Amino acid sequence: MKILLSIKPEYAEKILNGTKRFEYRRSVFRNQAVRSVVIYATKPLGKVVGEFEIGGVISDTPRSLWSSTKEHSGISRAFFMQYFENRETAFAIRVMNPTRYDEPLQLQDLVGSSPAPQSFRYLES
C-alpha cells in the first residue's frame, strides 16, 4: 500500500537526491501495510515527482528525534524545533530507495479532482 504526501519542492528535491533521509511529521498513518510514499511537490511546482520506500517510522520526543536523525535531516535545527513546537511526540519516516519519475505526474492523474492532502492520503495500489 502507498500513501501520498504533500512535501515542499525544496525538500522533495533533497529526498530525491538522497540528502534528506528523514521526512518529519506531526502525525503519521496507522495502517501497517503502507510500504511506500508517493511525493507530491507542492506549489509552485504542483506535481507528483517520485516516491520512496519506507524504512520505518521513528516516534520520540522532538529533542531526542533531532539528536538521532539530524545528520540526514535535510533541514535546520531551528526549523525542526519550530515545526514541533509545543509537541510531545515527533515522527520521522525513514526514506529508503528514492526514485524520481522520468516525467512528473499531475495530481489529478492519481486522485482525480480531490485536493492535495494536508497530511497524507492512502492510495490504491
C-alpha atoms as a PDB file:
ATOM      1  CA  MET A   1       0.000   0.000   0.000  1.00  0.00           C
ATOM      2  CA  LYS A   2       1.132   3.558  -0.724  1.00  0.00           C
ATOM      3  CA  ILE A   3       0.417   6.971   0.713  1.00  0.00           C
ATOM      4  CA  LEU A   4       0.592  10.367  -0.951  1.00  0.00           C
ATOM      5  CA  LEU A   5       2.454  13.069   0.986  1.00  0.00           C
ATOM      6  CA  SER A   6       2.495  16.773   0.203  1.00  0.00           C
ATOM      7  CA  ILE A   7       6.092  17.975   0.533  1.00  0.00           C
ATOM      8  CA  LYS A   8       7.572  21.404  -0.225  1.00  0.00           C
ATOM      9  CA  PRO A   9       9.521  21.311  -3.517  1.00  0.00           C
ATOM     10  CA  GLU A  10      12.909  22.041  -1.920  1.00  0.00           C
ATOM     11  CA  TYR A  11      12.507  19.111   0.492  1.00  0.00           C
ATOM     12  CA  ALA A  12      11.148  16.820  -2.224  1.00  0.00           C
ATOM     13  CA  GLU A  13      14.314  17.563  -4.206  1.00  0.00           C
ATOM     14  CA  LYS A  14      16.527  16.771  -1.204  1.00  0.00           C
ATOM     15  CA  ILE A  15      14.711  13.465  -0.708  1.00  0.00           C
ATOM     16  CA  LEU A  16      15.121  12.524  -4.352  1.00  0.00           C
ATOM     17  CA  ASN A  17      18.814  13.460  -4.460  1.00  0.00           C
ATOM     18  CA  GLY A  18      19.495  11.498  -1.255  1.00  0.00           C
ATOM     19  CA  THR A  19      20.484  14.325   1.096  1.00  0.00           C
ATOM     20  CA  LYS A  20      17.266  14.227   3.162  1.00  0.00           C
ATOM     21  CA  ARG A  21      16.799  10.737   4.573  1.00  0.00           C
ATOM     22  CA  PHE A  22      14.009  11.533   7.033  1.00  0.00           C
ATOM     23  CA  GLU A  23      10.617  13.101   6.393  1.00  0.00           C
ATOM     24  CA  TYR A  24       9.258  14.645   9.580  1.00  0.00           C
ATOM     25  CA  ARG A  25       5.591  14.665  10.520  1.00  0.00           C
ATOM     26  CA  ARG A  26       3.434  15.700  13.447  1.00  0.00           C
ATOM     27  CA  SER A  27       1.201  12.699  12.786  1.00  0.00           C
ATOM     28  CA  VAL A  28       1.573   9.584  10.669  1.00  0.00           C
ATOM     29  CA  PHE A  29      -0.515   6.875   9.077  1.00  0.00           C
ATOM     30  CA  ARG A  30      -1.621   3.988  11.274  1.00  0.00           C
ATOM     31  CA  ASN A  31      -2.014   1.335   8.583  1.00  0.00           C
ATOM     32  CA  GLN A  32       0.928  -1.070   8.919  1.00  0.00           C
ATOM     33  CA  ALA A  33       0.501  -2.210   5.301  1.00  0.00           C
ATOM     34  CA  VAL A  34       1.899   1.097   3.984  1.00  0.00           C
ATOM     35  CA  ARG A  35       5.261   0.403   2.355  1.00  0.00           C
ATOM     36  CA  SER A  36       5.964   3.448   0.213  1.00  0.00           C
ATOM     37  CA  VAL A  37       5.349   7.165  -0.170  1.00  0.00           C
ATOM     38  CA  VAL A  38       4.406   8.969  -3.362  1.00  0.00           C
ATOM     39  CA  ILE A  39       5.761  12.532  -3.299  1.00  0.00           C
ATOM     40  CA  TYR A  40       3.551  15.448  -4.317  1.00  0.00           C
ATOM     41  CA  ALA A  41       5.779  18.532  -4.569  1.00  0.00           C
ATOM     42  CA  THR A  42       3.527  21.409  -3.535  1.00  0.00           C
ATOM     43  CA  LYS A  43       3.104  24.726  -5.338  1.00  0.00           C
ATOM     44  CA  PRO A  44       4.654  26.389  -7.175  1.00  0.00           C
ATOM     45  CA  LEU A  45       5.649  23.051  -8.769  1.00  0.00           C
ATOM     46  CA  GLY A  46       2.393  21.228  -8.044  1.00  0.00           C
ATOM     47  CA  LYS A  47       3.429  17.849  -9.486  1.00  0.00           C
ATOM     48  CA  VAL A  48       3.882  14.253  -8.357  1.00  0.00           C
ATOM     49  CA  VAL A  49       7.643  13.866  -8.750  1.00  0.00           C
ATOM     50  CA  GLY A  50       8.669  10.494  -7.340  1.00  0.00           C
ATOM     51  CA  GLU A  51       8.405   8.046  -4.491  1.00  0.00           C
ATOM     52  CA  PHE A  52      10.379   6.246  -1.822  1.00  0.00           C
ATOM     53  CA  GLU A  53      10.191   3.109   0.264  1.00  0.00           C
ATOM     54  CA  ILE A  54       9.551   3.454   3.977  1.00  0.00           C
ATOM     55  CA  GLY A  55      12.439   2.157   6.055  1.00  0.00           C
ATOM     56  CA  GLY A  56      10.477   2.523   9.276  1.00  0.00           C
ATOM     57  CA  VAL A  57       8.898   5.245  11.364  1.00  0.00           C
ATOM     58  CA  ILE A  58      10.590   6.652  14.442  1.00  0.00           C
ATOM     59  CA  SER A  59       8.461   8.161  17.206  1.00  0.00           C
ATOM     60  CA  ASP A  60      10.128  10.122  20.013  1.00  0.00           C
ATOM     61  CA  THR A  61      10.276  13.478  21.743  1.00  0.00           C
ATOM     62  CA  PRO A  62      11.322  16.248  19.361  1.00  0.00           C
ATOM     63  CA  ARG A  63      14.656  16.735  21.152  1.00  0.00           C
ATOM     64  CA  SER A  64      15.546  13.032  21.074  1.00  0.00           C
ATOM     65  CA  LEU A  65      14.353  12.612  17.496  1.00  0.00           C
ATOM     66  CA  TRP A  66      16.505  15.528  16.347  1.00  0.00           C
ATOM     67  CA  SER A  67      19.506  14.091  18.148  1.00  0.00           C
ATOM     68  CA  SER A  68      19.172  10.738  16.395  1.00  0.00           C
ATOM     69  CA  THR A  69      18.295  11.998  12.896  1.00  0.00           C
ATOM     70  CA  LYS A  70      19.908  15.428  12.470  1.00  0.00           C
ATOM     71  CA  GLU A  71      22.806  14.161  10.368  1.00  0.00           C
ATOM     72  CA  HIS A  72      20.455  13.318   7.486  1.00  0.00           C
ATOM     73  CA  SER A  73      17.572  15.673   8.267  1.00  0.00           C
ATOM     74  CA  GLY A  74      17.935  17.976   5.277  1.00  0.00           C
ATOM     75  CA  ILE A  75      16.630  20.859   7.425  1.00  0.00           C
ATOM     76  CA  SER A  76      17.949  23.204  10.090  1.00  0.00           C
ATOM     77  CA  ARG A  77      17.591  22.600  13.807  1.00  0.00           C
ATOM     78  CA  ALA A  78      15.695  25.894  14.139  1.00  0.00           C
ATOM     79  CA  PHE A  79      13.145  24.850  11.505  1.00  0.00           C
ATOM     80  CA  PHE A  80      12.760  21.412  13.105  1.00  0.00           C
ATOM     81  CA  MET A  81      12.193  22.830  16.586  1.00  0.00           C
ATOM     82  CA  GLN A  82       9.733  25.415  15.301  1.00  0.00           C
ATOM     83  CA  TYR A  83       7.791  22.731  13.408  1.00  0.00           C
ATOM     84  CA  PHE A  84       7.454  20.585  16.543  1.00  0.00           C
ATOM     85  CA  GLU A  85       6.969  23.466  18.993  1.00  0.00           C
ATOM     86  CA  ASN A  86       4.623  22.515  21.858  1.00  0.00           C
ATOM     87  CA  ARG A  87       4.541  18.878  20.707  1.00  0.00           C
ATOM     88  CA  GLU A  88       5.392  15.989  22.976  1.00  0.00           C
ATOM     89  CA  THR A  89       5.795  13.498  20.134  1.00  0.00           C
ATOM     90  CA  ALA A  90       7.509  13.838  16.778  1.00  0.00           C
ATOM     91  CA  PHE A  91       7.699  11.340  13.911  1.00  0.00           C
ATOM     92  CA  ALA A  92      10.360  10.669  11.288  1.00  0.00           C
ATOM     93  CA  ILE A  93       9.707   8.491   8.256  1.00  0.00           C
ATOM     94  CA  ARG A  94      12.973   6.884   7.126  1.00  0.00           C
ATOM     95  CA  VAL A  95      13.492   7.416   3.390  1.00  0.00           C
ATOM     96  CA  MET A  96      14.808   4.386   1.506  1.00  0.00           C
ATOM     97  CA  ASN A  97      15.482   3.998  -2.228  1.00  0.00           C
ATOM     98  CA  PRO A  98      14.054   7.300  -3.501  1.00  0.00           C
ATOM     99  CA  THR A  99      13.048   7.231  -7.160  1.00  0.00           C
ATOM    100  CA  ARG A 100      12.480  10.287  -9.334  1.00  0.00           C
ATOM    101  CA  TYR A 101       9.840   9.881 -12.028  1.00  0.00           C
ATOM    102  CA  ASP A 102      11.117  10.437 -15.578  1.00  0.00           C
ATOM    103  CA  GLU A 103       8.092  12.655 -16.160  1.00  0.00           C
ATOM    104  CA  PRO A 104       6.293  14.327 -13.235  1.00  0.00           C
ATOM    105  CA  LEU A 105       2.601  13.477 -12.986  1.00  0.00           C
ATOM    106  CA  GLN A 106      -0.379  15.719 -12.492  1.00  0.00           C
ATOM    107  CA  LEU A 107      -2.013  15.245  -9.096  1.00  0.00           C
ATOM    108  CA  GLN A 108      -5.327  14.617 -10.855  1.00  0.00           C
ATOM    109  CA  ASP A 109      -3.814  11.551 -12.531  1.00  0.00           C
ATOM    110  CA  LEU A 110      -3.646   9.906  -9.081  1.00  0.00           C
ATOM    111  CA  VAL A 111      -6.537  11.328  -7.100  1.00  0.00           C
ATOM    112  CA  GLY A 112      -8.964  12.745  -9.657  1.00  0.00           C
ATOM    113  CA  SER A 113     -10.482  16.025  -8.603  1.00  0.00           C
ATOM    114  CA  SER A 114      -9.558  15.613  -4.914  1.00  0.00           C
ATOM    115  CA  PRO A 115      -7.298  18.331  -3.479  1.00  0.00           C
ATOM    116  CA  ALA A 116      -3.730  17.701  -2.339  1.00  0.00           C
ATOM    117  CA  PRO A 117      -3.624  16.136   1.129  1.00  0.00           C
ATOM    118  CA  GLN A 118      -2.821  18.353   4.111  1.00  0.00           C
ATOM    119  CA  SER A 119      -1.165  15.432   5.890  1.00  0.00           C
ATOM    120  CA  PHE A 120      -1.358  12.234   3.855  1.00  0.00           C
ATOM    121  CA  ARG A 121      -3.757  10.215   1.734  1.00  0.00           C
ATOM    122  CA  TYR A 122      -3.914   6.479   1.148  1.00  0.00           C
ATOM    123  CA  LEU A 123      -3.575   5.453  -2.491  1.00  0.00           C
ATOM    124  CA  GLU A 124      -4.961   2.409  -4.227  1.00  0.00           C
ATOM    125  CA  SER A 125      -2.098   0.091  -5.168  1.00  0.00           C
END
